[in-house]
Amino acid sequence: MKKRFQENIRVKRAQLQALCKDFETLHMKEGETVFDFFSCTLTIANKMRFHGEKMSDVSIIEKILRFTISKFDYVACSIEESNDLDIMTIDELQSSLLVHKQRMQRHTVEEQALKITLDSSI
């Protein structure tokens, strides 16, 4: 029984080390949605917590803000400066990033419409 328990601890440690590596190397890829990045990040973080890692929401929030794609850099800076990350929830961060993403998409559509209008008038 004792040997079996020790093997379980070794397996859990090995799994936790693999998850830590995944978490450390995780970053948002071009074309990846905010929802998908959050989903992947939270899945890994929850597995790490299950295996005994003490991980705060603040560390997850900081990870997400550091490793979003470059077009979110100004949004991440704005969120860090205007909010207390110690009391911010992951849901609030996700909502904020989704709102900014929708605004960026709206501006892109407007720019394309203006470009088409301008090109057709030439």
C-alpha atoms as a PDB file:
ATOM      1  CA  MET A   1       0.000   0.000   0.000  1.00  0.00           C
ATOM      2  CA  LYS A   2       2.787   2.432   0.924  1.00  0.00           C
ATOM      3  CA  LYS A   3       4.682   1.687  -2.309  1.00  0.00           C
ATOM      4  CA  ARG A   4       1.545   2.243  -4.368  1.00  0.00           C
ATOM      5  CA  PHE A   5       0.935   5.580  -2.646  1.00  0.00           C
ATOM      6  CA  GLN A   6       4.521   6.717  -3.340  1.00  0.00           C
ATOM      7  CA  GLU A   7       4.144   5.776  -7.013  1.00  0.00           C
ATOM      8  CA  ASN A   8       0.991   7.864  -7.186  1.00  0.00           C
ATOM      9  CA  ILE A   9       2.880  10.829  -5.730  1.00  0.00           C
ATOM     10  CA  ARG A  10       5.653  10.412  -8.321  1.00  0.00           C
ATOM     11  CA  VAL A  11       3.127  10.231 -11.148  1.00  0.00           C
ATOM     12  CA  LYS A  12       1.338  13.338  -9.874  1.00  0.00           C
ATOM     13  CA  ARG A  13       4.650  15.215  -9.605  1.00  0.00           C
ATOM     14  CA  ALA A  14       5.594  14.241 -13.152  1.00  0.00           C
ATOM     15  CA  GLN A  15       2.190  15.327 -14.428  1.00  0.00           C
ATOM     16  CA  LEU A  16       2.454  18.607 -12.529  1.00  0.00           C
ATOM     17  CA  GLN A  17       5.907  19.289 -13.988  1.00  0.00           C
ATOM     18  CA  ALA A  18       4.552  18.703 -17.503  1.00  0.00           C
ATOM     19  CA  LEU A  19       1.626  21.031 -16.810  1.00  0.00           C
ATOM     20  CA  CYS A  20       3.965  23.700 -15.400  1.00  0.00           C
ATOM     21  CA  LYS A  21       6.011  23.542 -18.579  1.00  0.00           C
ATOM     22  CA  ASP A  22       2.842  23.863 -20.683  1.00  0.00           C
ATOM     23  CA  PHE A  23       1.740  26.846 -18.594  1.00  0.00           C
ATOM     24  CA  GLU A  24       5.126  28.557 -18.848  1.00  0.00           C
ATOM     25  CA  THR A  25       5.328  28.184 -22.627  1.00  0.00           C
ATOM     26  CA  LEU A  26       1.701  29.076 -23.278  1.00  0.00           C
ATOM     27  CA  HIS A  27       1.082  32.164 -25.400  1.00  0.00           C
ATOM     28  CA  MET A  28      -1.699  33.433 -27.622  1.00  0.00           C
ATOM     29  CA  LYS A  29      -1.209  32.618 -31.285  1.00  0.00           C
ATOM     30  CA  GLU A  30      -2.126  34.847 -34.225  1.00  0.00           C
ATOM     31  CA  GLY A  31      -5.693  34.092 -35.240  1.00  0.00           C
ATOM     32  CA  GLU A  32      -6.528  32.485 -31.888  1.00  0.00           C
ATOM     33  CA  THR A  33      -9.645  33.900 -30.264  1.00  0.00           C
ATOM     34  CA  VAL A  34      -9.673  35.412 -26.807  1.00  0.00           C
ATOM     35  CA  PHE A  35     -12.123  32.728 -25.702  1.00  0.00           C
ATOM     36  CA  ASP A  36      -9.862  29.912 -26.961  1.00  0.00           C
ATOM     37  CA  PHE A  37      -6.787  31.379 -25.247  1.00  0.00           C
ATOM     38  CA  PHE A  38      -8.648  31.743 -21.954  1.00  0.00           C
ATOM     39  CA  SER A  39     -10.041  28.250 -22.272  1.00  0.00           C
ATOM     40  CA  CYS A  40      -6.609  26.722 -22.848  1.00  0.00           C
ATOM     41  CA  THR A  41      -5.009  28.754 -20.047  1.00  0.00           C
ATOM     42  CA  LEU A  42      -7.721  27.927 -17.526  1.00  0.00           C
ATOM     43  CA  THR A  43      -7.712  24.243 -18.453  1.00  0.00           C
ATOM     44  CA  ILE A  44      -4.004  23.977 -17.726  1.00  0.00           C
ATOM     45  CA  ALA A  45      -4.298  26.074 -14.536  1.00  0.00           C
ATOM     46  CA  ASN A  46      -7.166  23.950 -13.219  1.00  0.00           C
ATOM     47  CA  LYS A  47      -5.235  20.745 -13.894  1.00  0.00           C
ATOM     48  CA  MET A  48      -2.252  22.218 -12.050  1.00  0.00           C
ATOM     49  CA  ARG A  49      -4.469  23.092  -9.089  1.00  0.00           C
ATOM     50  CA  PHE A  50      -5.898  19.570  -9.122  1.00  0.00           C
ATOM     51  CA  HIS A  51      -2.370  18.177  -8.880  1.00  0.00           C
ATOM     52  CA  GLY A  52      -1.591  20.319  -5.846  1.00  0.00           C
ATOM     53  CA  GLU A  53      -0.121  23.517  -7.313  1.00  0.00           C
ATOM     54  CA  LYS A  54      -1.103  26.590  -5.335  1.00  0.00           C
ATOM     55  CA  MET A  55      -1.960  29.053  -8.080  1.00  0.00           C
ATOM     56  CA  SER A  56      -3.770  32.315  -7.507  1.00  0.00           C
ATOM     57  CA  ASP A  57      -6.115  34.006  -9.940  1.00  0.00           C
ATOM     58  CA  VAL A  58      -3.689  36.953 -10.004  1.00  0.00           C
ATOM     59  CA  SER A  59      -0.936  34.785 -11.470  1.00  0.00           C
ATOM     60  CA  ILE A  60      -3.332  33.544 -14.167  1.00  0.00           C
ATOM     61  CA  ILE A  61      -4.456  37.089 -14.956  1.00  0.00           C
ATOM     62  CA  GLU A  62      -0.849  38.282 -15.186  1.00  0.00           C
ATOM     63  CA  LYS A  63       0.007  35.351 -17.464  1.00  0.00           C
ATOM     64  CA  ILE A  64      -2.876  36.172 -19.789  1.00  0.00           C
ATOM     65  CA  LEU A  65      -1.979  39.872 -19.911  1.00  0.00           C
ATOM     66  CA  ARG A  66       1.684  39.116 -20.667  1.00  0.00           C
ATOM     67  CA  PHE A  67       1.107  36.599 -23.414  1.00  0.00           C
ATOM     68  CA  THR A  68      -1.721  37.956 -25.537  1.00  0.00           C
ATOM     69  CA  ILE A  69      -0.863  38.829 -29.132  1.00  0.00           C
ATOM     70  CA  SER A  70       0.730  42.199 -29.871  1.00  0.00           C
ATOM     71  CA  LYS A  71      -2.486  43.894 -30.976  1.00  0.00           C
ATOM     72  CA  PHE A  72      -3.691  43.588 -27.364  1.00  0.00           C
ATOM     73  CA  ASP A  73      -0.572  45.210 -25.872  1.00  0.00           C
ATOM     74  CA  TYR A  74      -2.182  48.613 -25.378  1.00  0.00           C
ATOM     75  CA  VAL A  75      -5.283  46.971 -23.901  1.00  0.00           C
ATOM     76  CA  ALA A  76      -3.179  44.909 -21.475  1.00  0.00           C
ATOM     77  CA  CYS A  77      -1.277  48.030 -20.367  1.00  0.00           C
ATOM     78  CA  SER A  78      -4.516  49.915 -19.908  1.00  0.00           C
ATOM     79  CA  ILE A  79      -6.039  47.115 -17.832  1.00  0.00           C
ATOM     80  CA  GLU A  80      -2.918  46.835 -15.649  1.00  0.00           C
ATOM     81  CA  GLU A  81      -2.839  50.577 -14.993  1.00  0.00           C
ATOM     82  CA  SER A  82      -6.547  51.126 -14.421  1.00  0.00           C
ATOM     83  CA  ASN A  83      -7.401  48.047 -12.345  1.00  0.00           C
ATOM     84  CA  ASP A  84      -6.146  46.454  -9.176  1.00  0.00           C
ATOM     85  CA  LEU A  85      -5.163  42.995 -10.425  1.00  0.00           C
ATOM     86  CA  ASP A  86      -5.374  41.624  -6.875  1.00  0.00           C
ATOM     87  CA  ILE A  87      -9.143  42.085  -6.842  1.00  0.00           C
ATOM     88  CA  MET A  88      -9.866  41.650 -10.548  1.00  0.00           C
ATOM     89  CA  THR A  89     -11.529  38.387 -11.542  1.00  0.00           C
ATOM     90  CA  ILE A  90     -10.666  36.255 -14.541  1.00  0.00           C
ATOM     91  CA  ASP A  91     -14.195  36.789 -15.873  1.00  0.00           C
ATOM     92  CA  GLU A  92     -13.763  40.567 -15.711  1.00  0.00           C
ATOM     93  CA  LEU A  93     -10.506  40.314 -17.639  1.00  0.00           C
ATOM     94  CA  GLN A  94     -12.057  38.083 -20.274  1.00  0.00           C
ATOM     95  CA  SER A  95     -15.039  40.427 -20.678  1.00  0.00           C
ATOM     96  CA  SER A  96     -12.754  43.425 -21.018  1.00  0.00           C
ATOM     97  CA  LEU A  97     -10.601  41.756 -23.687  1.00  0.00           C
ATOM     98  CA  LEU A  98     -13.676  40.568 -25.597  1.00  0.00           C
ATOM     99  CA  VAL A  99     -15.140  44.090 -25.626  1.00  0.00           C
ATOM    100  CA  HIS A 100     -11.868  45.505 -26.964  1.00  0.00           C
ATOM    101  CA  LYS A 101     -11.710  42.755 -29.599  1.00  0.00           C
ATOM    102  CA  GLN A 102     -15.260  43.599 -30.760  1.00  0.00           C
ATOM    103  CA  ARG A 103     -14.366  47.287 -30.974  1.00  0.00           C
ATOM    104  CA  MET A 104     -11.265  46.493 -33.027  1.00  0.00           C
ATOM    105  CA  GLN A 105     -13.329  44.344 -35.392  1.00  0.00           C
ATOM    106  CA  ARG A 106     -15.931  47.101 -35.768  1.00  0.00           C
ATOM    107  CA  HIS A 107     -13.231  49.613 -36.715  1.00  0.00           C
ATOM    108  CA  THR A 108     -11.747  47.159 -39.224  1.00  0.00           C
ATOM    109  CA  VAL A 109     -15.145  46.686 -40.888  1.00  0.00           C
ATOM    110  CA  GLU A 110     -15.676  50.465 -41.014  1.00  0.00           C
ATOM    111  CA  GLU A 111     -12.219  50.984 -42.540  1.00  0.00           C
ATOM    112  CA  GLN A 112     -12.908  48.346 -45.190  1.00  0.00           C
ATOM    113  CA  ALA A 113     -16.256  49.954 -46.014  1.00  0.00           C
ATOM    114  CA  LEU A 114     -14.608  53.372 -46.353  1.00  0.00           C
ATOM    115  CA  LYS A 115     -11.883  51.921 -48.544  1.00  0.00           C
ATOM    116  CA  ILE A 116     -14.389  50.253 -50.842  1.00  0.00           C
ATOM    117  CA  THR A 117     -16.402  53.474 -51.062  1.00  0.00           C
ATOM    118  CA  LEU A 118     -13.258  55.484 -51.812  1.00  0.00           C
ATOM    119  CA  ASP A 119     -12.007  53.004 -54.466  1.00  0.00           C
ATOM    120  CA  SER A 120     -15.351  52.853 -56.246  1.00  0.00           C
ATOM    121  CA  SER A 121     -15.576  56.629 -56.482  1.00  0.00           C
ATOM    122  CA  ILE A 122     -12.259  56.906 -58.355  1.00  0.00           C
END
